C-alpha cells in the first residue's frame, strides 16, 4: 500500500467529456434532485460531517453523498 495518493499522467487524454452536464439533458429529473439538495441545511438536519474537522484526510461533503 502506498503512502501517497498518485495522480494521473498529465499527457494521458481522456475519453470522457470535460463536463458532466454534457451527459445530462436539461429536462432530466436529476437536476431537480441536485437543486433541491443544495438548498437543504444539512447541519440542522443532523448530518454528521456537515462541518469539516481540522485534521485528517478530507472527506466527501454530505450533500454530495445525499445526491448519490
PDB file of N, CA and C in Angstrom:
ATOM      1  N   UNK A   1       0.848  -1.184   0.000  1.00  0.00           N
ATOM      2  CA  UNK A   1       0.000   0.000   0.000  1.00  0.00           C
ATOM      3  C   UNK A   1       0.888   1.240   0.000  1.00  0.00           C
ATOM      4  N   UNK A   2       0.565   2.198  -0.840  1.00  0.00           N
ATOM      5  CA  UNK A   2       1.369   3.406  -0.978  1.00  0.00           C
ATOM      6  C   UNK A   2       0.973   4.427   0.078  1.00  0.00           C
ATOM      7  N   UNK A   3       1.908   5.298   0.387  1.00  0.00           N
ATOM      8  CA  UNK A   3       1.668   6.316   1.405  1.00  0.00           C
ATOM      9  C   UNK A   3       0.992   7.560   0.857  1.00  0.00           C
ATOM     10  N   UNK A   4       1.073   7.786  -0.440  1.00  0.00           N
ATOM     11  CA  UNK A   4       0.517   8.998  -1.026  1.00  0.00           C
ATOM     12  C   UNK A   4      -0.457   8.658  -2.149  1.00  0.00           C
ATOM     13  N   UNK A   5      -1.382   9.549  -2.384  1.00  0.00           N
ATOM     14  CA  UNK A   5      -2.310   9.396  -3.499  1.00  0.00           C
ATOM     15  C   UNK A   5      -1.556   9.771  -4.768  1.00  0.00           C
ATOM     16  N   UNK A   6      -1.612   8.912  -5.771  1.00  0.00           N
ATOM     17  CA  UNK A   6      -0.910   9.183  -7.017  1.00  0.00           C
ATOM     18  C   UNK A   6      -1.854   9.820  -8.023  1.00  0.00           C
ATOM     19  N   UNK A   7      -1.346  10.801  -8.734  1.00  0.00           N
ATOM     20  CA  UNK A   7      -2.135  11.492  -9.743  1.00  0.00           C
ATOM     21  C   UNK A   7      -2.126  10.748 -11.066  1.00  0.00           C
ATOM     22  N   UNK A   8      -2.873  11.264 -12.001  1.00  0.00           N
ATOM     23  CA  UNK A   8      -2.968  10.691 -13.338  1.00  0.00           C
ATOM     24  C   UNK A   8      -1.871  11.309 -14.199  1.00  0.00           C
ATOM     25  N   UNK A   9      -1.348  10.524 -15.118  1.00  0.00           N
ATOM     26  CA  UNK A   9      -0.342  11.031 -16.050  1.00  0.00           C
ATOM     27  C   UNK A   9      -0.882  12.247 -16.772  1.00  0.00           C
ATOM     28  N   UNK A  10      -0.130  13.324 -16.835  1.00  0.00           N
ATOM     29  CA  UNK A  10      -0.617  14.577 -17.428  1.00  0.00           C
ATOM     30  C   UNK A  10      -0.793  14.494 -18.930  1.00  0.00           C
ATOM     31  N   UNK A  11      -0.047  13.628 -19.575  1.00  0.00           N
ATOM     32  CA  UNK A  11      -0.135  13.539 -21.031  1.00  0.00           C
ATOM     33  C   UNK A  11      -1.230  12.590 -21.498  1.00  0.00           C
ATOM     34  N   UNK A  12      -1.891  11.924 -20.564  1.00  0.00           N
ATOM     35  CA  UNK A  12      -2.929  10.963 -20.924  1.00  0.00           C
ATOM     36  C   UNK A  12      -4.213  11.701 -21.284  1.00  0.00           C
ATOM     37  N   UNK A  13      -4.761  11.396 -22.435  1.00  0.00           N
ATOM     38  CA  UNK A  13      -6.024  12.020 -22.812  1.00  0.00           C
ATOM     39  C   UNK A  13      -7.180  11.213 -22.229  1.00  0.00           C
ATOM     40  N   UNK A  14      -8.305  11.868 -22.074  1.00  0.00           N
ATOM     41  CA  UNK A  14      -9.476  11.192 -21.536  1.00  0.00           C
ATOM     42  C   UNK A  14     -10.484  10.970 -22.650  1.00  0.00           C
ATOM     43  N   UNK A  15     -11.305   9.965 -22.481  1.00  0.00           N
ATOM     44  CA  UNK A  15     -12.329   9.701 -23.479  1.00  0.00           C
ATOM     45  C   UNK A  15     -13.698  10.212 -23.052  1.00  0.00           C
ATOM     46  N   UNK A  16     -13.739  10.933 -21.947  1.00  0.00           N
ATOM     47  CA  UNK A  16     -14.993  11.467 -21.437  1.00  0.00           C
ATOM     48  C   UNK A  16     -15.055  12.969 -21.688  1.00  0.00           C
ATOM     49  N   UNK A  17     -16.240  13.529 -21.806  1.00  0.00           N
ATOM     50  CA  UNK A  17     -16.356  14.986 -21.965  1.00  0.00           C
ATOM     51  C   UNK A  17     -15.831  15.701 -20.730  1.00  0.00           C
ATOM     52  N   UNK A  18     -15.479  16.945 -20.908  1.00  0.00           N
ATOM     53  CA  UNK A  18     -14.932  17.731 -19.799  1.00  0.00           C
ATOM     54  C   UNK A  18     -15.984  18.024 -18.735  1.00  0.00           C
ATOM     55  N   UNK A  19     -17.228  18.111 -19.102  1.00  0.00           N
ATOM     56  CA  UNK A  19     -18.287  18.451 -18.160  1.00  0.00           C
ATOM     57  C   UNK A  19     -19.332  17.343 -18.084  1.00  0.00           C
ATOM     58  N   UNK A  20     -19.772  17.065 -16.879  1.00  0.00           N
ATOM     59  CA  UNK A  20     -20.825  16.079 -16.683  1.00  0.00           C
ATOM     60  C   UNK A  20     -22.144  16.565 -17.278  1.00  0.00           C
ATOM     61  N   UNK A  21     -22.322  17.875 -17.337  1.00  0.00           N
ATOM     62  CA  UNK A  21     -23.549  18.444 -17.903  1.00  0.00           C
ATOM     63  C   UNK A  21     -23.751  18.033 -19.352  1.00  0.00           C
ATOM     64  N   UNK A  22     -22.689  17.649 -20.034  1.00  0.00           N
ATOM     65  CA  UNK A  22     -22.826  17.208 -21.416  1.00  0.00           C
ATOM     66  C   UNK A  22     -23.545  15.865 -21.509  1.00  0.00           C
ATOM     67  N   UNK A  23     -23.574  15.112 -20.420  1.00  0.00           N
ATOM     68  CA  UNK A  23     -24.264  13.824 -20.391  1.00  0.00           C
ATOM     69  C   UNK A  23     -25.725  13.942 -19.966  1.00  0.00           C
ATOM     70  N   UNK A  24     -26.050  14.943 -19.153  1.00  0.00           N
ATOM     71  CA  UNK A  24     -27.377  15.066 -18.549  1.00  0.00           C
ATOM     72  C   UNK A  24     -28.195  16.092 -19.325  1.00  0.00           C
ATOM     73  N   UNK A  25     -29.352  15.671 -19.790  1.00  0.00           N
ATOM     74  CA  UNK A  25     -30.228  16.572 -20.550  1.00  0.00           C
ATOM     75  C   UNK A  25     -30.792  17.657 -19.640  1.00  0.00           C
ATOM     76  N   UNK A  26     -31.164  18.781 -20.237  1.00  0.00           N
ATOM     77  CA  UNK A  26     -31.698  19.907 -19.466  1.00  0.00           C
ATOM     78  C   UNK A  26     -32.996  19.563 -18.742  1.00  0.00           C
ATOM     79  N   UNK A  27     -33.809  18.647 -19.285  1.00  0.00           N
ATOM     80  CA  UNK A  27     -35.096  18.305 -18.687  1.00  0.00           C
ATOM     81  C   UNK A  27     -35.030  17.022 -17.842  1.00  0.00           C
ATOM     82  N   UNK A  28     -33.845  16.557 -17.505  1.00  0.00           N
ATOM     83  CA  UNK A  28     -33.687  15.350 -16.703  1.00  0.00           C
ATOM     84  C   UNK A  28     -34.050  15.630 -15.247  1.00  0.00           C
ATOM     85  N   UNK A  29     -34.727  14.685 -14.606  1.00  0.00           N
ATOM     86  CA  UNK A  29     -35.187  14.880 -13.227  1.00  0.00           C
ATOM     87  C   UNK A  29     -34.034  14.929 -12.223  1.00  0.00           C
ATOM     88  N   UNK A  30     -32.871  14.466 -12.591  1.00  0.00           N
ATOM     89  CA  UNK A  30     -31.738  14.507 -11.666  1.00  0.00           C
ATOM     90  C   UNK A  30     -31.331  15.951 -11.357  1.00  0.00           C
ATOM     91  N   UNK A  31     -31.637  16.865 -12.246  1.00  0.00           N
ATOM     92  CA  UNK A  31     -31.331  18.282 -11.999  1.00  0.00           C
ATOM     93  C   UNK A  31     -32.206  18.848 -10.869  1.00  0.00           C
ATOM     94  N   UNK A  32     -33.423  18.344 -10.726  1.00  0.00           N
ATOM     95  CA  UNK A  32     -34.302  18.768  -9.619  1.00  0.00           C
ATOM     96  C   UNK A  32     -33.720  18.278  -8.296  1.00  0.00           C
ATOM     97  N   UNK A  33     -33.264  17.043  -8.262  1.00  0.00           N
ATOM     98  CA  UNK A  33     -32.658  16.490  -7.043  1.00  0.00           C
ATOM     99  C   UNK A  33     -31.423  17.286  -6.663  1.00  0.00           C
ATOM    100  N   UNK A  34     -30.615  17.628  -7.638  1.00  0.00           N
ATOM    101  CA  UNK A  34     -29.403  18.407  -7.391  1.00  0.00           C
ATOM    102  C   UNK A  34     -29.733  19.775  -6.804  1.00  0.00           C
ATOM    103  N   UNK A  35     -30.689  20.467  -7.407  1.00  0.00           N
ATOM    104  CA  UNK A  35     -31.073  21.803  -6.936  1.00  0.00           C
ATOM    105  C   UNK A  35     -31.713  21.742  -5.552  1.00  0.00           C
ATOM    106  N   UNK A  36     -32.555  20.736  -5.303  1.00  0.00           N
ATOM    107  CA  UNK A  36     -33.217  20.613  -4.004  1.00  0.00           C
ATOM    108  C   UNK A  36     -32.214  20.321  -2.896  1.00  0.00           C
ATOM    109  N   UNK A  37     -31.294  19.403  -3.129  1.00  0.00           N
ATOM    110  CA  UNK A  37     -30.343  19.044  -2.073  1.00  0.00           C
ATOM    111  C   UNK A  37     -29.370  20.182  -1.777  1.00  0.00           C
ATOM    112  N   UNK A  38     -29.154  21.084  -2.740  1.00  0.00           N
ATOM    113  CA  UNK A  38     -28.302  22.247  -2.483  1.00  0.00           C
ATOM    114  C   UNK A  38     -28.964  23.242  -1.534  1.00  0.00           C
ATOM    115  N   UNK A  39     -30.291  23.220  -1.434  1.00  0.00           N
ATOM    116  CA  UNK A  39     -30.996  24.167  -0.571  1.00  0.00           C
ATOM    117  C   UNK A  39     -31.132  23.680   0.867  1.00  0.00           C
ATOM    118  N   UNK A  40     -30.855  22.405   1.129  1.00  0.00           N
ATOM    119  CA  UNK A  40     -31.030  21.847   2.467  1.00  0.00           C
ATOM    120  C   UNK A  40     -29.948  22.320   3.430  1.00  0.00           C
ATOM    121  N   UNK A  41     -30.346  22.578   4.681  1.00  0.00           N
ATOM    122  CA  UNK A  41     -29.392  22.894   5.749  1.00  0.00           C
ATOM    123  C   UNK A  41     -29.028  21.567   6.421  1.00  0.00           C
ATOM    124  N   UNK A  42     -27.966  20.943   5.964  1.00  0.00           N
ATOM    125  CA  UNK A  42     -27.621  19.600   6.421  1.00  0.00           C
ATOM    126  C   UNK A  42     -27.210  19.566   7.885  1.00  0.00           C
ATOM    127  N   UNK A  43     -26.610  20.631   8.382  1.00  0.00           N
ATOM    128  CA  UNK A  43     -26.227  20.682   9.792  1.00  0.00           C
ATOM    129  C   UNK A  43     -27.469  20.662  10.686  1.00  0.00           C
ATOM    130  N   UNK A  44     -28.494  21.428  10.311  1.00  0.00           N
ATOM    131  CA  UNK A  44     -29.737  21.468  11.083  1.00  0.00           C
ATOM    132  C   UNK A  44     -30.486  20.141  11.009  1.00  0.00           C
ATOM    133  N   UNK A  45     -30.296  19.404   9.917  1.00  0.00           N
ATOM    134  CA  UNK A  45     -30.958  18.106   9.761  1.00  0.00           C
ATOM    135  C   UNK A  45     -30.216  16.978  10.471  1.00  0.00           C
ATOM    136  N   UNK A  46     -29.061  17.286  11.055  1.00  0.00           N
ATOM    137  CA  UNK A  46     -28.336  16.299  11.842  1.00  0.00           C
ATOM    138  C   UNK A  46     -27.317  15.468  11.077  1.00  0.00           C
ATOM    139  N   UNK A  47     -26.934  15.895   9.887  1.00  0.00           N
ATOM    140  CA  UNK A  47     -25.928  15.159   9.135  1.00  0.00           C
ATOM    141  C   UNK A  47     -24.564  15.356   9.767  1.00  0.00           C
ATOM    142  N   UNK A  48     -23.886  14.243  10.053  1.00  0.00           N
ATOM    143  CA  UNK A  48     -22.532  14.334  10.572  1.00  0.00           C
ATOM    144  C   UNK A  48     -21.595  14.687   9.432  1.00  0.00           C
ATOM    145  N   UNK A  49     -20.605  15.495   9.708  1.00  0.00           N
ATOM    146  CA  UNK A  49     -19.643  15.869   8.698  1.00  0.00           C
ATOM    147  C   UNK A  49     -20.032  17.086   7.890  1.00  0.00           C
ATOM    148  N   UNK A  50     -21.127  17.740   8.236  1.00  0.00           N
ATOM    149  CA  UNK A  50     -21.509  18.951   7.516  1.00  0.00           C
ATOM    150  C   UNK A  50     -20.511  20.069   7.776  1.00  0.00           C
ATOM    151  N   UNK A  51     -19.878  20.017   8.945  1.00  0.00           N
ATOM    152  CA  UNK A  51     -18.791  20.934   9.282  1.00  0.00           C
ATOM    153  C   UNK A  51     -17.518  20.097   9.320  1.00  0.00           C
ATOM    154  N   UNK A  52     -16.566  20.350   8.423  1.00  0.00           N
ATOM    155  CA  UNK A  52     -15.374  19.503   8.354  1.00  0.00           C
ATOM    156  C   UNK A  52     -14.478  19.667   9.573  1.00  0.00           C
ATOM    157  N   UNK A  53     -13.756  18.610   9.901  1.00  0.00           N
ATOM    158  CA  UNK A  53     -12.800  18.652  11.006  1.00  0.00           C
ATOM    159  C   UNK A  53     -11.494  19.230  10.501  1.00  0.00           C
ATOM    160  N   UNK A  54     -10.657  19.669  11.432  1.00  0.00           N
ATOM    161  CA  UNK A  54      -9.401  20.314  11.070  1.00  0.00           C
ATOM    162  C   UNK A  54      -8.342  19.311  10.625  1.00  0.00           C
ATOM    163  N   UNK A  55      -8.359  18.110  11.181  1.00  0.00           N
ATOM    164  CA  UNK A  55      -7.291  17.148  10.921  1.00  0.00           C
ATOM    165  C   UNK A  55      -7.787  15.984  10.081  1.00  0.00           C
ATOM    166  N   UNK A  56      -6.849  15.286   9.486  1.00  0.00           N
ATOM    167  CA  UNK A  56      -7.192  14.099   8.728  1.00  0.00           C
ATOM    168  C   UNK A  56      -7.431  14.396   7.259  1.00  0.00           C
ATOM    169  N   UNK A  57      -7.651  13.344   6.536  1.00  0.00           N
ATOM    170  CA  UNK A  57      -7.900  13.475   5.103  1.00  0.00           C
ATOM    171  C   UNK A  57      -9.303  14.028   4.880  1.00  0.00           C
ATOM    172  N   UNK A  58      -9.470  14.923   3.918  1.00  0.00           N
ATOM    173  CA  UNK A  58     -10.794  15.478   3.650  1.00  0.00           C
ATOM    174  C   UNK A  58     -11.771  14.380   3.227  1.00  0.00           C
ATOM    175  N   UNK A  59     -12.973  14.481   3.719  1.00  0.00           N
ATOM    176  CA  UNK A  59     -13.999  13.509   3.353  1.00  0.00           C
ATOM    177  C   UNK A  59     -14.895  14.114   2.278  1.00  0.00           C
ATOM    178  N   UNK A  60     -15.826  13.320   1.792  1.00  0.00           N
ATOM    179  CA  UNK A  60     -16.809  13.836   0.857  1.00  0.00           C
ATOM    180  C   UNK A  60     -17.837  14.645   1.629  1.00  0.00           C
ATOM    181  N   UNK A  61     -18.299  15.716   1.034  1.00  0.00           N
ATOM    182  CA  UNK A  61     -19.309  16.546   1.677  1.00  0.00           C
ATOM    183  C   UNK A  61     -20.612  15.756   1.750  1.00  0.00           C
ATOM    184  N   UNK A  62     -21.345  15.856   2.865  1.00  0.00           N
ATOM    185  CA  UNK A  62     -22.598  15.106   2.998  1.00  0.00           C
ATOM    186  C   UNK A  62     -23.608  15.418   1.896  1.00  0.00           C
ATOM    187  N   UNK A  63     -23.608  16.613   1.337  1.00  0.00           N
ATOM    188  CA  UNK A  63     -24.539  16.940   0.255  1.00  0.00           C
ATOM    189  C   UNK A  63     -24.239  16.103  -0.985  1.00  0.00           C
ATOM    190  N   UNK A  64     -22.964  15.873  -1.246  1.00  0.00           N
ATOM    191  CA  UNK A  64     -22.599  15.040  -2.390  1.00  0.00           C
ATOM    192  C   UNK A  64     -23.063  13.614  -2.165  1.00  0.00           C
ATOM    193  N   UNK A  65     -22.887  13.101  -0.966  1.00  0.00           N
ATOM    194  CA  UNK A  65     -23.317  11.740  -0.657  1.00  0.00           C
ATOM    195  C   UNK A  65     -24.832  11.621  -0.705  1.00  0.00           C
ATOM    196  N   UNK A  66     -25.560  12.660  -0.297  1.00  0.00           N
ATOM    197  CA  UNK A  66     -27.021  12.649  -0.356  1.00  0.00           C
ATOM    198  C   UNK A  66     -27.512  12.612  -1.793  1.00  0.00           C
ATOM    199  N   UNK A  67     -26.832  13.317  -2.678  1.00  0.00           N
ATOM    200  CA  UNK A  67     -27.213  13.331  -4.080  1.00  0.00           C
ATOM    201  C   UNK A  67     -27.015  11.968  -4.728  1.00  0.00           C
ATOM    202  N   UNK A  68     -26.009  11.273  -4.292  1.00  0.00           N
ATOM    203  CA  UNK A  68     -25.753   9.938  -4.846  1.00  0.00           C
ATOM    204  C   UNK A  68     -26.847   9.000  -4.411  1.00  0.00           C
TER     205      UNK A  68
END
